[in-house]
């Protein structure tokens, strides 16, 4: 038995089209005779999409939509009916792609991230047929690529410590480079933690009454930074300050009680603090005190010298009071020596008594000798009185 017509074939101009593109399908079948099927009496066409009648049976053998929507995509087939006989074509899949819209990039959580930690970035296109390829960019460099079957992609990015801020964008595409859309820019603030600070004293040796100056400095860290200065292992800081600089200066008027070791501590928004090296500071006696001590020592030395000189002079004067005056000749008579002490009963052990040797007196001059002896005695007494007064 010969068939009146063959099984129809559905032909599509494009199996994949973008939304808004041209959709064109045609149903085709051959008649068993040279006669064209389209001229067969009672011929009817019907177009089905996903098993549901899309166009009513008619003599039209095709379907055209110049601006196809996403809803136009699906499984198409056609039916041909002639003289009560209906035949169906094979199904043809036609995809109508919804192009991605411009994506939106946002940060999940805080936009301030500690260097070395991870940040979560979400790239989202409100529309777009899957799969969608998302590309995360930092500046002009590609950081990561994700192909997803949904409209959202989440990137986990490790933040480096290059620069205080980093700018990110994302690109979405689902129909090649021609469909690519670029997102807004998102800036992430990189918080660089403080590294080990260095403490340097302006002078290692300071005199009391002078200013002690300590400088605490960092190589790099995110501002602002809080600096604290400590003496040895004291719990409470001597000084604390928050500044938009990578170094802080501490100045304090010191005394000898500040002769100790010092250190500093630095911290910022990263939440960690670092302690510096320990430096020893020597506080010496002030200049005026040292000068006063030197002058005091000089005065003591001078006093000792003066005391020795005076004592020597006094001793020398006492020795002179006990000197013996030698008398060579009295009234023409040679004698050994004359005692000029102030009396034989003198208790001064330094006075030496000597015997006066007289020659045989001349009888004719006895009276004169007695007179001269009396005069000598008076002179000796006068000399003793003068010597005693001078010793006082």
Protein backbone atom coordinates (compact mmCIF):
# COMPACT_ATOMS: atom_id res chain seq x y z
CA UNK A 1 0.00 0.00 0.00
CA UNK A 2 1.39 3.33 -1.02
CA UNK A 3 1.41 6.21 1.47
CA UNK A 4 -0.35 9.36 0.39
CA UNK A 5 2.40 11.55 1.98
CA UNK A 6 5.62 11.12 3.89
CA UNK A 7 6.33 11.88 7.51
CA UNK A 8 6.79 15.63 7.83
CA UNK A 9 10.13 17.23 8.66
CA UNK A 10 10.40 20.41 10.70
CA UNK A 11 13.19 22.69 9.56
CA UNK A 12 14.53 25.54 11.73
CA UNK A 13 16.50 28.45 10.35
CA UNK A 14 18.54 28.60 13.64
CA UNK A 15 18.48 26.20 16.51
CA UNK A 16 20.00 28.76 18.89
CA UNK A 17 19.02 32.39 18.80
CA UNK A 18 19.30 35.33 21.12
CA UNK A 19 16.31 36.92 22.64
CA UNK A 20 14.91 39.42 20.19
CA UNK A 21 16.29 37.45 17.27
CA UNK A 22 14.36 35.92 14.34
CA UNK A 23 12.64 32.56 14.87
CA UNK A 24 11.77 30.78 11.62
CA UNK A 25 10.52 27.16 11.34
CA UNK A 26 9.01 25.33 8.34
CA UNK A 27 7.13 22.03 8.17
CA UNK A 28 7.88 19.94 5.11
CA UNK A 29 6.39 16.67 3.70
CA UNK A 30 6.31 14.95 0.34
CA UNK A 31 3.25 13.58 -1.41
CA UNK A 32 3.42 10.12 -2.93
CA UNK A 33 2.58 11.53 -6.34
CA UNK A 34 4.36 14.26 -8.19
CA UNK A 35 1.64 16.55 -6.96
CA UNK A 36 2.84 19.02 -4.35
CA UNK A 37 1.55 18.30 -0.89
CA UNK A 38 0.64 21.87 -0.41
CA UNK A 39 -1.94 21.60 -3.15
CA UNK A 40 -3.50 18.43 -1.82
CA UNK A 41 -7.16 18.86 -0.98
CA UNK A 42 -7.99 19.11 2.75
CA UNK A 43 -4.35 19.64 3.80
CA UNK A 44 -3.80 21.13 7.27
CA UNK A 45 -0.63 22.04 9.21
CA UNK A 46 -0.28 22.38 12.94
CA UNK A 47 2.80 23.58 14.88
CA UNK A 48 3.39 22.26 18.37
CA UNK A 49 5.76 23.50 21.07
CA UNK A 50 6.55 21.21 23.97
CA UNK A 51 3.62 19.04 22.88
CA UNK A 52 1.16 21.90 23.00
CA UNK A 53 -0.49 23.34 19.94
CA UNK A 54 1.16 26.60 19.12
CA UNK A 55 -0.61 27.48 15.89
CA UNK A 56 -4.02 26.29 14.78
CA UNK A 57 -4.27 23.96 11.84
CA UNK A 58 -4.07 25.91 8.64
CA UNK A 59 -2.74 25.75 5.18
CA UNK A 60 0.43 27.62 6.34
CA UNK A 61 3.45 25.33 6.49
CA UNK A 62 5.75 27.56 8.59
CA UNK A 63 6.07 29.91 11.53
CA UNK A 64 8.09 33.12 11.76
CA UNK A 65 8.70 35.46 14.72
CA UNK A 66 11.00 38.35 14.01
CA UNK A 67 11.58 39.16 17.70
CA UNK A 68 11.53 35.97 19.59
CA UNK A 69 11.31 36.08 23.35
CA UNK A 70 12.79 33.66 25.83
CA UNK A 71 9.43 31.96 26.05
CA UNK A 72 9.75 30.95 22.39
CA UNK A 73 12.45 28.44 23.19
CA UNK A 74 11.54 24.75 23.49
CA UNK A 75 10.83 21.51 21.59
CA UNK A 76 9.04 22.12 18.31
CA UNK A 77 7.24 19.64 16.07
CA UNK A 78 4.61 19.80 13.36
CA UNK A 79 1.60 17.73 12.30
CA UNK A 80 0.34 17.27 8.76
CA UNK A 81 -3.23 16.07 8.17
CA UNK A 82 -4.53 14.96 4.79
CA UNK A 83 -7.88 13.21 4.26
CA UNK A 84 -8.14 12.47 7.97
CA UNK A 85 -4.65 11.05 8.18
CA UNK A 86 -2.24 12.89 10.56
CA UNK A 87 1.48 12.48 10.72
CA UNK A 88 3.94 14.18 13.13
CA UNK A 89 7.52 15.26 12.61
CA UNK A 90 10.46 14.69 14.91
CA UNK A 91 10.93 17.25 17.67
CA UNK A 92 13.45 20.01 17.14
CA UNK A 93 15.03 21.86 20.06
CA UNK A 94 15.20 25.58 19.61
CA UNK A 95 16.99 27.63 22.26
CA UNK A 96 16.24 31.28 22.74
CA UNK A 97 18.93 32.75 24.94
CA UNK A 98 18.32 35.62 27.30
CA UNK A 99 21.45 37.72 27.19
CA UNK A 100 22.95 38.62 30.52
CA UNK A 101 22.18 42.01 31.89
CA UNK A 102 24.86 44.21 33.38
CA UNK A 103 26.00 42.44 36.55
CA UNK A 104 26.25 43.96 40.00
CA UNK A 105 29.33 43.34 42.13
CA UNK A 106 29.13 43.62 45.91
CA UNK A 107 31.13 42.62 48.98
CA UNK A 108 29.69 40.05 51.34
CA UNK A 109 30.55 41.41 54.77
CA UNK A 110 32.94 44.27 55.45
CA UNK A 111 34.79 46.09 52.70
CA UNK A 112 37.80 46.38 55.05
CA UNK A 113 39.86 43.22 54.89
CA UNK A 114 43.09 42.37 56.68
CA UNK A 115 45.95 41.67 54.30
CA UNK A 116 46.37 37.94 53.80
CA UNK A 117 42.74 37.20 54.66
CA UNK A 118 39.93 36.35 52.23
CA UNK A 119 37.14 38.56 50.95
CA UNK A 120 33.84 37.31 49.48
CA UNK A 121 32.58 39.07 46.36
CA UNK A 122 29.18 38.41 44.77
CA UNK A 123 28.60 38.98 41.07
CA UNK A 124 24.94 38.91 40.04
CA UNK A 125 23.10 39.39 36.75
CA UNK A 126 19.36 39.75 37.09
CA UNK A 127 18.76 38.11 33.73
CA UNK A 128 20.67 35.67 31.63
CA UNK A 129 20.23 32.18 30.31
CA UNK A 130 22.56 29.67 31.91
CA UNK A 131 25.30 28.77 31.86
CA UNK A 132 26.78 32.16 32.66
CA UNK A 133 30.49 32.73 32.78
CA UNK A 134 31.61 35.25 35.40
CA UNK A 135 35.10 36.74 35.35
CA UNK A 136 36.47 38.63 38.37
CA UNK A 137 38.93 41.39 37.54
CA UNK A 138 41.34 43.35 39.74
CA UNK A 139 42.23 46.36 37.71
CA UNK A 140 42.80 44.84 34.27
CA UNK A 141 44.01 41.49 35.58
CA UNK A 142 41.86 38.38 35.70
CA UNK A 143 41.64 37.01 39.23
CA UNK A 144 39.13 34.16 38.86
CA UNK A 145 36.62 32.64 36.40
CA UNK A 146 33.42 30.81 37.34
CA UNK A 147 30.86 29.18 35.02
CA UNK A 148 27.57 28.70 36.85
CA UNK A 149 24.06 27.55 36.05
CA UNK A 150 22.47 30.28 38.11
CA UNK A 151 22.51 34.03 37.99
CA UNK A 152 24.88 34.51 40.94
CA UNK A 153 28.57 33.75 41.38
CA UNK A 154 30.48 34.11 44.65
CA UNK A 155 34.24 34.62 44.59
CA UNK A 156 36.59 33.99 47.52
CA UNK A 157 39.63 36.16 47.03
CA UNK A 158 42.79 36.34 49.14
CA UNK A 159 43.65 40.00 49.63
CA UNK A 160 47.27 40.94 49.18
CA UNK A 161 48.89 43.86 50.95
CA UNK A 162 49.75 45.79 47.80
CA UNK A 163 48.18 49.21 48.05
CA UNK A 164 45.82 50.64 50.62
CA UNK A 165 42.77 49.98 48.40
CA UNK A 166 42.04 47.50 45.63
CA UNK A 167 39.42 47.92 42.91
CA UNK A 168 37.46 44.94 41.60
CA UNK A 169 34.95 44.44 38.78
CA UNK A 170 33.22 41.41 37.34
CA UNK A 171 32.23 40.51 33.79
CA UNK A 172 29.29 38.30 32.82
CA UNK A 173 28.65 36.60 29.47
CA UNK A 174 26.60 33.69 28.19
CA UNK A 175 26.79 34.04 24.40
CA UNK A 176 30.46 34.68 23.82
CA UNK A 177 32.45 37.87 24.04
CA UNK A 178 29.76 39.81 22.21
CA UNK A 179 27.38 39.31 25.12
CA UNK A 180 29.86 40.36 27.83
CA UNK A 181 28.73 43.00 30.30
CA UNK A 182 30.97 44.74 32.86
CA UNK A 183 29.86 45.45 36.40
CA UNK A 184 30.31 48.40 38.70
CA UNK A 185 33.58 48.86 40.59
CA UNK A 186 34.00 47.78 44.20
CA UNK A 187 36.86 49.02 46.37
CA UNK A 188 38.26 46.92 49.17
CA UNK A 189 40.32 48.62 51.84
CA UNK A 190 43.33 46.53 52.70
CA UNK A 191 44.25 46.71 56.38
CA UNK A 192 47.95 46.03 56.75
CA UNK A 193 48.69 44.78 60.29
CA UNK A 194 51.51 46.37 62.25
CA UNK A 195 54.82 44.59 61.97
CA UNK A 196 57.48 44.60 64.66
CA UNK A 197 58.04 48.23 65.72
CA UNK A 198 61.51 49.59 66.44
CA UNK A 199 62.26 51.77 69.48
CA UNK A 200 65.19 54.18 69.26
CA UNK A 201 66.24 56.68 71.97
CA UNK A 202 67.43 60.08 70.81
CA UNK A 203 70.30 59.71 73.33
CA UNK A 204 71.38 56.61 75.21
CA UNK A 205 72.68 58.68 78.15
CA UNK A 206 70.57 61.51 79.57
CA UNK A 207 71.31 63.83 82.48
CA UNK A 208 68.65 64.29 85.12
CA UNK A 209 66.59 67.36 84.45
CA UNK A 210 66.88 66.82 80.68
CA UNK A 211 64.23 65.44 78.31
CA UNK A 212 64.24 61.75 77.46
CA UNK A 213 63.11 61.31 73.83
CA UNK A 214 62.01 57.90 72.51
CA UNK A 215 61.02 57.25 68.88
CA UNK A 216 58.79 54.26 68.03
CA UNK A 217 58.60 53.57 64.27
CA UNK A 218 57.06 51.03 61.87
CA UNK A 219 58.00 50.06 58.34
CA UNK A 220 54.40 49.89 57.11
CA UNK A 221 50.89 49.62 58.54
CA UNK A 222 47.38 50.89 57.91
CA UNK A 223 46.63 54.19 59.61
CA UNK A 224 45.68 55.27 62.20
CA UNK A 225 48.10 53.54 64.57
CA UNK A 226 48.01 53.51 68.37
CA UNK A 227 51.41 53.70 70.06
CA UNK A 228 52.09 52.91 73.72
CA UNK A 229 55.35 53.44 75.61
CA UNK A 230 56.32 51.26 78.58
CA UNK A 231 59.08 51.25 81.19
CA UNK A 232 60.45 47.74 81.76
CA UNK A 233 57.59 45.37 82.57
CA UNK A 234 55.11 47.89 83.95
CA UNK A 235 51.53 47.02 83.12
CA UNK A 236 50.32 50.55 82.48
CA UNK A 237 51.92 52.60 79.70
CA UNK A 238 53.83 55.79 80.38
CA UNK A 239 52.23 57.37 77.33
CA UNK A 240 49.63 56.41 74.70
CA UNK A 241 48.76 58.19 71.46
CA UNK A 242 46.85 57.49 68.22
CA UNK A 243 48.27 59.11 65.11
CA UNK A 244 48.03 59.06 61.32
CA UNK A 245 51.74 58.39 61.07
CA UNK A 246 53.96 55.32 61.16
CA UNK A 247 55.98 56.72 64.06
CA UNK A 248 55.41 58.40 67.40
CA UNK A 249 57.70 60.42 69.68
CA UNK A 250 57.58 60.33 73.48
CA UNK A 251 59.34 63.05 75.50
CA UNK A 252 59.61 63.15 79.28
CA UNK A 253 61.63 65.17 81.81
CA UNK A 254 63.59 62.56 83.75
CA UNK A 255 65.44 62.07 87.01
CA UNK A 256 67.75 59.33 88.22
CA UNK A 257 64.71 57.18 89.05
CA UNK A 258 64.05 56.85 85.31
CA UNK A 259 67.26 54.92 84.79
CA UNK A 260 65.63 51.78 83.29
CA UNK A 261 64.68 49.85 80.15
CA UNK A 262 61.96 51.02 77.77
CA UNK A 263 59.82 49.49 74.99
CA UNK A 264 56.83 50.43 72.85
CA UNK A 265 53.77 48.67 71.46
CA UNK A 266 51.83 49.42 68.25
CA UNK A 267 48.36 48.36 67.07
CA UNK A 268 45.76 49.30 64.46
CA UNK A 269 42.38 48.18 63.09
CA UNK A 270 43.78 44.76 62.23
CA UNK A 271 43.21 43.91 65.89
CA UNK A 272 46.73 42.69 66.64
CA UNK A 273 49.50 44.47 68.53
CA UNK A 274 53.26 44.09 68.31
CA UNK A 275 55.91 44.95 70.89
CA UNK A 276 59.25 46.53 70.09
CA UNK A 277 62.76 45.79 71.21
CA UNK A 278 63.90 46.91 74.68
CA UNK A 279 66.36 49.78 75.01
CA UNK A 280 68.28 50.77 78.13
CA UNK A 281 68.48 54.42 79.08
CA UNK A 282 71.08 55.69 81.56
CA UNK A 283 70.19 58.81 83.52
CA UNK A 284 73.27 60.49 84.99
CA UNK A 285 73.61 63.17 87.68
CA UNK A 286 72.87 66.68 86.51
CA UNK A 287 75.72 69.01 85.57
CA UNK A 288 75.11 71.49 88.37
CA UNK A 289 75.24 68.73 90.98
CA UNK A 290 78.50 67.40 89.59
CA UNK A 291 79.93 70.94 89.61
CA UNK A 292 78.82 71.46 93.20
CA UNK A 293 80.48 68.23 94.33
CA UNK A 294 83.73 69.19 92.59
CA UNK A 295 83.71 72.63 94.24
CA UNK A 296 83.02 71.05 97.63
CA UNK A 297 86.00 68.72 97.21
CA UNK A 298 88.21 71.65 96.22
CA UNK A 299 87.13 73.59 99.33
CA UNK A 300 87.94 70.62 101.56
CA UNK A 301 91.38 70.21 99.98
CA UNK A 302 92.12 73.92 100.37
CA UNK A 303 90.99 73.78 104.00
CA UNK A 304 93.35 70.91 104.72
CA UNK A 305 96.23 72.77 103.06
CA UNK A 306 95.54 75.96 105.02
CA UNK A 307 95.28 73.99 108.25
CA UNK A 308 98.65 72.35 107.64
CA UNK A 309 100.30 75.68 106.84
CA UNK A 310 98.91 77.38 109.96
CA UNK A 311 99.90 74.46 112.16
CA UNK A 312 103.39 74.54 110.72
CA UNK A 313 103.71 78.28 111.36
CA UNK A 314 102.52 77.91 114.94
CA UNK A 315 104.99 75.13 115.62
CA UNK A 316 107.79 77.14 114.07
CA UNK A 317 106.94 80.15 116.29
CA UNK A 318 106.94 77.97 119.40
CA UNK A 319 110.36 76.64 118.48
CA UNK A 320 111.72 80.18 118.12
CA UNK A 321 110.58 81.08 121.67
CA UNK A 322 112.87 78.42 123.08
CA UNK A 323 115.97 79.36 121.14
CA UNK A 324 119.17 79.93 123.16
CA UNK A 325 121.03 83.14 122.57
CA UNK A 326 124.73 82.65 122.84
CA UNK A 327 126.50 85.38 124.66
CA UNK A 328 130.04 85.69 123.56
CA UNK A 329 131.23 88.41 125.83
CA UNK A 330 129.88 90.23 128.86
CA UNK A 331 131.84 93.24 130.19
CA UNK A 332 134.89 92.14 128.25
CA UNK A 333 134.80 88.62 129.77
CA UNK A 334 134.15 85.66 127.43
CA UNK A 335 131.36 83.39 128.58
CA UNK A 336 129.89 80.18 127.18
CA UNK A 337 126.24 81.12 126.77
CA UNK A 338 123.44 82.94 128.51
CA UNK A 339 120.08 81.35 129.20
CA UNK A 340 117.36 83.61 127.86
CA UNK A 341 114.61 81.40 129.21
CA UNK A 342 111.92 83.03 131.25
CA UNK A 343 113.01 81.60 134.58
CA UNK A 344 114.59 78.41 135.76
CA UNK A 345 111.26 77.12 136.96
CA UNK A 346 109.76 77.26 133.45
CA UNK A 347 107.84 74.13 132.62
CA UNK A 348 108.48 74.43 128.87
CA UNK A 349 110.41 71.31 127.94
CA UNK A 350 111.75 72.99 124.81
CA UNK A 351 113.75 75.55 126.80
CA UNK A 352 117.33 74.52 127.28
CA UNK A 353 119.24 75.91 130.19
CA UNK A 354 122.98 76.43 129.95
CA UNK A 355 125.47 77.40 132.54
CA UNK A 356 127.05 80.82 132.27
CA UNK A 357 130.73 80.67 132.91
CA UNK A 358 132.22 83.76 134.51
CA UNK A 359 135.91 84.57 134.78
CA UNK A 360 137.50 85.70 137.95
CA UNK A 361 135.95 89.00 138.79
CA UNK A 362 138.07 91.96 139.27
CA UNK A 363 137.74 93.08 142.87
CA UNK A 364 137.98 96.63 141.83
CA UNK A 365 135.11 96.15 139.45
CA UNK A 366 132.80 94.05 141.65
CA UNK A 367 130.37 96.81 142.13
CA UNK A 368 130.15 97.51 138.40
CA UNK A 369 129.65 93.81 137.63
CA UNK A 370 126.71 93.56 139.98
CA UNK A 371 125.16 96.59 138.33
CA UNK A 372 125.63 95.07 134.87
CA UNK A 373 124.26 91.72 136.03
CA UNK A 374 121.14 93.43 137.25
CA UNK A 375 120.74 95.17 133.91
CA UNK A 376 121.10 91.88 132.07
CA UNK A 377 118.42 90.33 134.23
CA UNK A 378 116.03 93.19 133.50
CA UNK A 379 116.67 92.86 129.76
CA UNK A 380 116.01 89.15 129.92
CA UNK A 381 112.71 89.67 131.72
CA UNK A 382 111.67 92.30 129.17
CA UNK A 383 112.54 89.92 126.32
CA UNK A 384 110.43 87.14 127.86
CA UNK A 385 107.43 89.43 128.22
CA UNK A 386 107.64 90.51 124.58
CA UNK A 387 108.00 86.92 123.41
CA UNK A 388 104.99 85.82 125.47
CA UNK A 389 102.83 88.62 124.07
CA UNK A 390 103.86 87.82 120.51
CA UNK A 391 102.97 84.15 121.03
CA UNK A 392 99.45 85.19 122.00
